Amino acid sequence: MPDRLVDKARPPTPEQIEELLGADGYRRLQMLEAWLLAHYDLSTELRFPFGASYGWGYKYSHKSTHLCYAFFQAGAFTVTIQIGDKQAAALTAILDSLTAKAQDLWVHRYPCGNQGGWVHYEITSDDQLGDIYALIITRKRPPSR
């Protein structure tokens, strides 16, 4: 079994994604999707956006606003999210409430703009999803329901 699904010519089936992530990783992906569905008008696309280093993943959007990607890997998935210059101050304001891992990932983010950047957060435990929820809310506040 590969570490990632990197054959651009062969989109993975849901069964292949579940097998690669394993029971815990797949359950966490379902938890993320359930949270997104509860808070956003969610659309999900299977994409291969950044080449073989990332492989296949889901692109999650709220209407026309991109929220994040979830890239599949053996036993886990990595959430990739862009925090723009307009959201950077809001993230800085809540940074102390996030885990040390999230704080470190923000400090070492891939820069984008003057203050923003891309965060690549590997999800290996349930408690890490709270960081992801906070990052997504920082990127795009959920609409009033």
Protein backbone atom coordinates (compact mmCIF):
# COMPACT_ATOMS: atom_id res chain seq x y z
CA MET A 1 0.00 0.00 0.00
CA PRO A 2 1.46 3.41 -0.93
CA ASP A 3 1.85 6.28 1.56
CA ARG A 4 -0.30 8.54 -0.65
CA LEU A 5 -2.54 8.19 -3.67
CA VAL A 6 -0.37 9.85 -6.32
CA ASP A 7 -1.46 8.45 -9.69
CA LYS A 8 -3.08 11.51 -11.25
CA ALA A 9 -4.57 9.40 -14.05
CA ARG A 10 -6.47 7.17 -11.60
CA PRO A 11 -8.79 8.92 -9.16
CA PRO A 12 -9.18 6.78 -6.03
CA THR A 13 -12.44 5.12 -5.12
CA PRO A 14 -14.01 5.75 -1.71
CA GLU A 15 -12.93 2.23 -0.76
CA GLN A 16 -9.29 2.95 -1.65
CA ILE A 17 -9.39 6.17 0.38
CA GLU A 18 -10.83 4.35 3.39
CA GLU A 19 -8.27 1.56 3.10
CA LEU A 20 -5.35 4.00 2.92
CA LEU A 21 -6.53 6.13 5.86
CA GLY A 22 -7.31 3.12 8.02
CA ALA A 23 -10.21 2.88 10.45
CA ASP A 24 -9.14 5.74 12.74
CA GLY A 25 -8.03 8.08 9.97
CA TYR A 26 -11.20 7.50 7.99
CA ARG A 27 -13.36 8.03 11.09
CA ARG A 28 -11.58 11.36 11.70
CA LEU A 29 -12.16 12.38 8.08
CA GLN A 30 -15.85 11.61 8.56
CA MET A 31 -15.85 13.71 11.75
CA LEU A 32 -14.35 16.63 9.83
CA GLU A 33 -16.93 16.28 7.06
CA ALA A 34 -19.81 16.05 9.54
CA TRP A 35 -18.63 19.24 11.24
CA LEU A 36 -18.25 21.02 7.90
CA LEU A 37 -21.74 19.93 6.80
CA ALA A 38 -23.22 21.18 10.08
CA HIS A 39 -21.65 24.64 9.69
CA TYR A 40 -21.40 25.40 5.97
CA ASP A 41 -23.20 24.95 2.67
CA LEU A 42 -20.59 22.40 1.78
CA SER A 43 -19.39 21.17 -1.56
CA THR A 44 -16.75 18.47 -1.81
CA GLU A 45 -14.56 17.73 -4.83
CA LEU A 46 -11.98 14.99 -5.30
CA ARG A 47 -8.90 16.86 -6.57
CA PHE A 48 -5.22 16.41 -7.44
CA PRO A 49 -4.21 20.10 -7.13
CA PHE A 50 -0.55 20.22 -6.10
CA GLY A 51 1.16 17.19 -7.64
CA ALA A 52 2.55 13.94 -6.28
CA SER A 53 3.90 15.44 -3.05
CA TYR A 54 0.30 15.79 -1.89
CA GLY A 55 -1.58 13.39 -4.15
CA TRP A 56 -5.35 13.10 -4.16
CA GLY A 57 -7.53 14.85 -1.64
CA TYR A 58 -10.87 16.47 -1.04
CA LYS A 59 -11.38 20.16 -1.65
CA TYR A 60 -14.01 21.54 0.71
CA SER A 61 -15.80 24.77 -0.17
CA HIS A 62 -18.63 26.90 1.17
CA LYS A 63 -20.47 28.12 -1.91
CA SER A 64 -17.62 29.70 -3.91
CA THR A 65 -15.24 30.09 -0.93
CA HIS A 66 -12.52 27.47 -0.60
CA LEU A 67 -12.27 26.27 3.01
CA CYS A 68 -9.49 23.66 3.00
CA TYR A 69 -8.10 20.50 1.46
CA ALA A 70 -7.81 17.09 3.12
CA PHE A 71 -5.02 15.05 1.54
CA PHE A 72 -5.08 11.29 2.01
CA GLN A 73 -2.11 9.39 3.41
CA ALA A 74 -1.44 6.08 5.13
CA GLY A 75 -3.16 6.07 8.52
CA ALA A 76 -4.05 9.78 8.52
CA PHE A 77 -4.82 12.84 6.42
CA THR A 78 -3.34 16.30 6.17
CA VAL A 79 -5.52 19.39 6.20
CA THR A 80 -4.09 22.22 4.11
CA ILE A 81 -5.60 25.61 4.74
CA GLN A 82 -4.71 29.10 3.60
CA ILE A 83 -5.04 31.94 6.07
CA GLY A 84 -4.91 35.18 4.10
CA ASP A 85 -3.62 38.56 5.17
CA LYS A 86 -7.18 39.61 6.10
CA GLN A 87 -7.55 36.65 8.49
CA ALA A 88 -4.02 36.65 9.97
CA ALA A 89 -4.84 39.09 12.79
CA ALA A 90 -7.88 37.04 13.80
CA LEU A 91 -5.75 33.90 13.90
CA THR A 92 -3.06 35.62 15.93
CA ALA A 93 -5.76 36.67 18.43
CA ILE A 94 -6.80 33.02 19.06
CA LEU A 95 -3.39 31.39 18.66
CA ASP A 96 -2.89 30.92 22.43
CA SER A 97 -6.10 28.86 22.58
CA LEU A 98 -4.76 26.36 20.01
CA THR A 99 -2.42 23.45 20.69
CA ALA A 100 1.34 23.81 20.65
CA LYS A 101 1.33 21.91 17.34
CA ALA A 102 -1.02 24.41 15.69
CA GLN A 103 1.00 27.33 17.06
CA ASP A 104 4.22 25.84 15.68
CA LEU A 105 2.64 25.15 12.30
CA TRP A 106 1.49 28.78 12.09
CA VAL A 107 4.93 30.10 13.01
CA HIS A 108 6.49 27.84 10.35
CA ARG A 109 3.75 28.26 7.72
CA TYR A 110 4.44 28.51 4.02
CA PRO A 111 4.17 32.29 3.50
CA CYS A 112 1.48 33.83 1.35
CA GLY A 113 1.00 37.58 1.23
CA ASN A 114 2.45 39.85 3.89
CA GLN A 115 1.15 38.10 7.02
CA GLY A 116 -0.78 35.07 5.85
CA GLY A 117 0.25 31.61 4.80
CA TRP A 118 -0.54 27.97 4.19
CA VAL A 119 -0.74 25.54 7.11
CA HIS A 120 -0.32 21.80 6.52
CA TYR A 121 -1.71 20.00 9.59
CA GLU A 122 -1.45 16.20 9.77
CA ILE A 123 -4.41 14.78 11.70
CA THR A 124 -3.42 11.76 13.78
CA SER A 125 -5.75 12.13 16.79
CA ASP A 126 -9.30 13.26 17.48
CA ASP A 127 -8.29 16.23 19.64
CA GLN A 128 -6.43 17.83 16.72
CA LEU A 129 -9.72 18.39 14.91
CA GLY A 130 -10.49 21.26 17.30
CA ASP A 131 -7.51 23.15 15.89
CA ILE A 132 -8.77 22.54 12.36
CA TYR A 133 -12.25 23.77 13.22
CA ALA A 134 -10.76 26.98 14.68
CA LEU A 135 -8.58 27.51 11.60
CA ILE A 136 -11.51 27.01 9.25
CA ILE A 137 -13.70 29.41 11.24
CA THR A 138 -10.87 31.94 11.09
CA ARG A 139 -10.74 31.53 7.34
CA LYS A 140 -14.53 31.74 6.86
CA ARG A 141 -17.05 32.28 9.63
CA PRO A 142 -20.01 29.92 9.33
CA PRO A 143 -23.19 31.55 8.04
CA SER A 144 -26.09 32.14 10.39
CA ARG A 145 -28.54 29.28 10.17
